[in-house]
Amino acid sequence: MTRTEAEALISRYLEAFNAGDVDSMLDLLDEDVAHDINEGGREIGRSSFRNFMATMHRHYDETLADIVVFASEDGTRVGAEFTVRGRYRETAEGLPPASNQAYSIPAGQFFSLEDGRITRVTTYYNLNAWIAAVSKA
């Protein structure tokens, strides 16, 4: 996969996220995708990823803006930087109470690609900044 093809694949993944189209996201993932959750553990597989997304959609309504995607020369590793704009809809365990608070925080994701599929998704954002944003609202 070329750098351009890798960047296009991740752009499609992020566009599917913004559209709330989990099935299209899953179509781009390897069956045994490794998903590294911010401030959490690693989950393996598409079904775990589907369950994670269902939980996320229950608690948060998010879109990504200001997206920049960049890939390694060989197209095997890709990064994306963006702003997460969202609303905190339902209280998540261990987090502040939800009351539809709006938030906007910087975040990033890193991906590994193999044979035209995403084999790893790693997400990073500053949890303390998110907590501060929803606690002010």
C-alpha atoms as a PDB file:
ATOM      1  CA  MET A   1       0.000   0.000   0.000  1.00  0.00           C
ATOM      2  CA  THR A   2       1.355   3.422  -0.895  1.00  0.00           C
ATOM      3  CA  ARG A   3       1.451   6.376   1.464  1.00  0.00           C
ATOM      4  CA  THR A   4      -1.416   7.988  -0.464  1.00  0.00           C
ATOM      5  CA  GLU A   5      -3.535   4.811  -0.320  1.00  0.00           C
ATOM      6  CA  ALA A   6      -2.875   4.451   3.414  1.00  0.00           C
ATOM      7  CA  GLU A   7      -3.886   8.052   4.075  1.00  0.00           C
ATOM      8  CA  ALA A   8      -7.048   7.555   1.987  1.00  0.00           C
ATOM      9  CA  LEU A   9      -7.959   4.395   3.943  1.00  0.00           C
ATOM     10  CA  ILE A  10      -7.671   6.184   7.272  1.00  0.00           C
ATOM     11  CA  SER A  11      -9.566   9.180   5.917  1.00  0.00           C
ATOM     12  CA  ARG A  12     -12.422   6.817   4.969  1.00  0.00           C
ATOM     13  CA  TYR A  13     -12.323   5.325   8.482  1.00  0.00           C
ATOM     14  CA  LEU A  14     -12.539   8.779  10.096  1.00  0.00           C
ATOM     15  CA  GLU A  15     -15.302   9.866   7.701  1.00  0.00           C
ATOM     16  CA  ALA A  16     -17.259   6.745   8.688  1.00  0.00           C
ATOM     17  CA  PHE A  17     -16.753   7.685  12.359  1.00  0.00           C
ATOM     18  CA  ASN A  18     -18.140  11.163  11.702  1.00  0.00           C
ATOM     19  CA  ALA A  19     -21.126   9.648   9.887  1.00  0.00           C
ATOM     20  CA  GLY A  20     -21.803   7.268  12.803  1.00  0.00           C
ATOM     21  CA  ASP A  21     -21.340   4.395  10.341  1.00  0.00           C
ATOM     22  CA  VAL A  22     -19.788   1.705  12.533  1.00  0.00           C
ATOM     23  CA  ASP A  23     -20.311  -1.001   9.898  1.00  0.00           C
ATOM     24  CA  SER A  24     -18.147   0.910   7.409  1.00  0.00           C
ATOM     25  CA  MET A  25     -15.500   1.377  10.094  1.00  0.00           C
ATOM     26  CA  LEU A  26     -15.560  -2.346  10.853  1.00  0.00           C
ATOM     27  CA  ASP A  27     -15.218  -3.183   7.145  1.00  0.00           C
ATOM     28  CA  LEU A  28     -11.810  -1.482   7.187  1.00  0.00           C
ATOM     29  CA  LEU A  29     -10.544  -3.406  10.223  1.00  0.00           C
ATOM     30  CA  ASP A  30      -8.664  -6.683  10.238  1.00  0.00           C
ATOM     31  CA  GLU A  31     -10.604  -9.482  11.958  1.00  0.00           C
ATOM     32  CA  ASP A  32      -7.965  -9.515  14.736  1.00  0.00           C
ATOM     33  CA  VAL A  33      -7.519  -5.746  15.030  1.00  0.00           C
ATOM     34  CA  ALA A  34      -5.722  -4.581  18.175  1.00  0.00           C
ATOM     35  CA  HIS A  35      -7.531  -1.656  19.765  1.00  0.00           C
ATOM     36  CA  ASP A  36      -5.564   0.325  22.358  1.00  0.00           C
ATOM     37  CA  ILE A  37      -8.034   2.355  24.390  1.00  0.00           C
ATOM     38  CA  ASN A  38      -6.929   5.710  25.803  1.00  0.00           C
ATOM     39  CA  GLU A  39      -6.026   5.266  29.488  1.00  0.00           C
ATOM     40  CA  GLY A  40      -7.210   1.661  29.183  1.00  0.00           C
ATOM     41  CA  GLY A  41      -6.163  -1.727  27.954  1.00  0.00           C
ATOM     42  CA  ARG A  42      -5.951  -3.476  24.634  1.00  0.00           C
ATOM     43  CA  GLU A  43      -8.902  -5.288  23.108  1.00  0.00           C
ATOM     44  CA  ILE A  44      -8.571  -7.689  20.193  1.00  0.00           C
ATOM     45  CA  GLY A  45     -11.011  -8.308  17.354  1.00  0.00           C
ATOM     46  CA  ARG A  46     -13.785  -6.665  15.385  1.00  0.00           C
ATOM     47  CA  SER A  47     -16.527  -7.849  17.739  1.00  0.00           C
ATOM     48  CA  SER A  48     -14.791  -6.210  20.717  1.00  0.00           C
ATOM     49  CA  PHE A  49     -14.422  -3.051  18.660  1.00  0.00           C
ATOM     50  CA  ARG A  50     -18.129  -3.109  17.763  1.00  0.00           C
ATOM     51  CA  ASN A  51     -19.022  -3.452  21.457  1.00  0.00           C
ATOM     52  CA  PHE A  52     -16.684  -0.593  22.351  1.00  0.00           C
ATOM     53  CA  MET A  53     -18.294   1.663  19.745  1.00  0.00           C
ATOM     54  CA  ALA A  54     -21.795   0.799  21.011  1.00  0.00           C
ATOM     55  CA  THR A  55     -20.745   1.822  24.523  1.00  0.00           C
ATOM     56  CA  MET A  56     -19.155   5.018  23.235  1.00  0.00           C
ATOM     57  CA  HIS A  57     -22.272   5.981  21.270  1.00  0.00           C
ATOM     58  CA  ARG A  58     -24.407   5.441  24.374  1.00  0.00           C
ATOM     59  CA  HIS A  59     -22.300   7.877  26.423  1.00  0.00           C
ATOM     60  CA  TYR A  60     -21.020  10.373  23.854  1.00  0.00           C
ATOM     61  CA  ASP A  61     -22.068  12.089  20.643  1.00  0.00           C
ATOM     62  CA  GLU A  62     -18.808  12.983  18.912  1.00  0.00           C
ATOM     63  CA  THR A  63     -17.472  14.244  15.610  1.00  0.00           C
ATOM     64  CA  LEU A  64     -13.914  14.890  14.526  1.00  0.00           C
ATOM     65  CA  ALA A  65     -12.797  18.204  13.027  1.00  0.00           C
ATOM     66  CA  ASP A  66      -9.535  19.745  11.826  1.00  0.00           C
ATOM     67  CA  ILE A  67      -8.368  16.275  10.731  1.00  0.00           C
ATOM     68  CA  VAL A  68      -4.811  15.839   9.484  1.00  0.00           C
ATOM     69  CA  VAL A  69      -3.724  12.367   8.312  1.00  0.00           C
ATOM     70  CA  PHE A  70      -0.097  11.423   7.665  1.00  0.00           C
ATOM     71  CA  ALA A  71       1.481   8.073   6.739  1.00  0.00           C
ATOM     72  CA  SER A  72       4.876   6.446   6.682  1.00  0.00           C
ATOM     73  CA  GLU A  73       6.571   6.161   3.303  1.00  0.00           C
ATOM     74  CA  ASP A  74       5.726   2.441   3.070  1.00  0.00           C
ATOM     75  CA  GLY A  75       2.078   2.979   4.108  1.00  0.00           C
ATOM     76  CA  THR A  76       2.205   0.581   7.066  1.00  0.00           C
ATOM     77  CA  ARG A  77       1.781   3.189   9.797  1.00  0.00           C
ATOM     78  CA  VAL A  78      -0.576   6.147   9.815  1.00  0.00           C
ATOM     79  CA  GLY A  79      -1.306   8.916  12.278  1.00  0.00           C
ATOM     80  CA  ALA A  80      -4.263  11.271  12.511  1.00  0.00           C
ATOM     81  CA  GLU A  81      -4.569  14.424  14.569  1.00  0.00           C
ATOM     82  CA  PHE A  82      -7.925  16.082  15.117  1.00  0.00           C
ATOM     83  CA  THR A  83     -10.240  17.954  17.437  1.00  0.00           C
ATOM     84  CA  VAL A  84     -12.961  15.904  19.114  1.00  0.00           C
ATOM     85  CA  ARG A  85     -16.163  17.891  19.425  1.00  0.00           C
ATOM     86  CA  GLY A  86     -18.843  16.215  21.412  1.00  0.00           C
ATOM     87  CA  ARG A  87     -21.596  16.016  23.967  1.00  0.00           C
ATOM     88  CA  TYR A  88     -21.470  13.869  27.084  1.00  0.00           C
ATOM     89  CA  ARG A  89     -24.927  12.245  27.087  1.00  0.00           C
ATOM     90  CA  GLU A  90     -24.913   9.462  29.677  1.00  0.00           C
ATOM     91  CA  THR A  91     -22.667   9.110  32.720  1.00  0.00           C
ATOM     92  CA  ALA A  92     -19.813   6.656  32.199  1.00  0.00           C
ATOM     93  CA  GLU A  93     -18.492   4.662  35.143  1.00  0.00           C
ATOM     94  CA  GLY A  94     -15.774   6.496  37.058  1.00  0.00           C
ATOM     95  CA  LEU A  95     -16.335   9.789  35.239  1.00  0.00           C
ATOM     96  CA  PRO A  96     -18.204  12.984  36.183  1.00  0.00           C
ATOM     97  CA  PRO A  97     -21.999  13.038  35.855  1.00  0.00           C
ATOM     98  CA  ALA A  98     -23.317  13.617  32.342  1.00  0.00           C
ATOM     99  CA  SER A  99     -25.816  16.337  31.528  1.00  0.00           C
ATOM    100  CA  ASN A 100     -25.307  16.798  27.779  1.00  0.00           C
ATOM    101  CA  GLN A 101     -22.181  18.914  28.347  1.00  0.00           C
ATOM    102  CA  ALA A 102     -20.370  20.089  25.219  1.00  0.00           C
ATOM    103  CA  TYR A 103     -16.602  19.592  24.916  1.00  0.00           C
ATOM    104  CA  SER A 104     -13.827  20.144  22.414  1.00  0.00           C
ATOM    105  CA  ILE A 105     -10.407  18.537  22.960  1.00  0.00           C
ATOM    106  CA  PRO A 106      -7.384  17.688  20.815  1.00  0.00           C
ATOM    107  CA  ALA A 107      -6.728  13.998  20.191  1.00  0.00           C
ATOM    108  CA  GLY A 108      -4.859  11.622  17.957  1.00  0.00           C
ATOM    109  CA  GLN A 109      -4.955   8.095  16.672  1.00  0.00           C
ATOM    110  CA  PHE A 110      -2.236   5.834  15.362  1.00  0.00           C
ATOM    111  CA  PHE A 111      -2.860   2.950  13.014  1.00  0.00           C
ATOM    112  CA  SER A 112      -0.972  -0.050  11.678  1.00  0.00           C
ATOM    113  CA  LEU A 113      -1.979  -1.356   8.247  1.00  0.00           C
ATOM    114  CA  GLU A 114      -1.413  -4.685   6.563  1.00  0.00           C
ATOM    115  CA  ASP A 115      -2.852  -6.021   3.304  1.00  0.00           C
ATOM    116  CA  GLY A 116      -5.216  -3.066   2.969  1.00  0.00           C
ATOM    117  CA  ARG A 117      -6.714  -3.493   6.453  1.00  0.00           C
ATOM    118  CA  ILE A 118      -6.300  -1.672   9.749  1.00  0.00           C
ATOM    119  CA  THR A 119      -4.564  -4.033  12.184  1.00  0.00           C
ATOM    120  CA  ARG A 120      -4.136  -1.590  15.084  1.00  0.00           C
ATOM    121  CA  VAL A 121      -5.993   1.485  16.349  1.00  0.00           C
ATOM    122  CA  THR A 122      -4.402   3.409  19.243  1.00  0.00           C
ATOM    123  CA  THR A 123      -6.163   6.492  20.610  1.00  0.00           C
ATOM    124  CA  TYR A 124      -4.636   9.280  22.701  1.00  0.00           C
ATOM    125  CA  TYR A 125      -6.207  12.309  24.350  1.00  0.00           C
ATOM    126  CA  ASN A 126      -5.746  14.096  27.644  1.00  0.00           C
ATOM    127  CA  LEU A 127      -8.377  12.626  29.955  1.00  0.00           C
ATOM    128  CA  ASN A 128      -7.823  15.369  32.543  1.00  0.00           C
ATOM    129  CA  ALA A 129      -8.527  18.018  29.890  1.00  0.00           C
ATOM    130  CA  TRP A 130     -11.749  16.194  28.951  1.00  0.00           C
ATOM    131  CA  ILE A 131     -12.818  15.974  32.615  1.00  0.00           C
ATOM    132  CA  ALA A 132     -12.104  19.693  33.063  1.00  0.00           C
ATOM    133  CA  ALA A 133     -14.139  20.502  29.944  1.00  0.00           C
ATOM    134  CA  VAL A 134     -17.231  18.560  31.054  1.00  0.00           C
ATOM    135  CA  SER A 135     -16.914  19.731  34.661  1.00  0.00           C
ATOM    136  CA  LYS A 136     -17.089  23.425  33.617  1.00  0.00           C
ATOM    137  CA  ALA A 137     -20.224  22.986  31.544  1.00  0.00           C
END
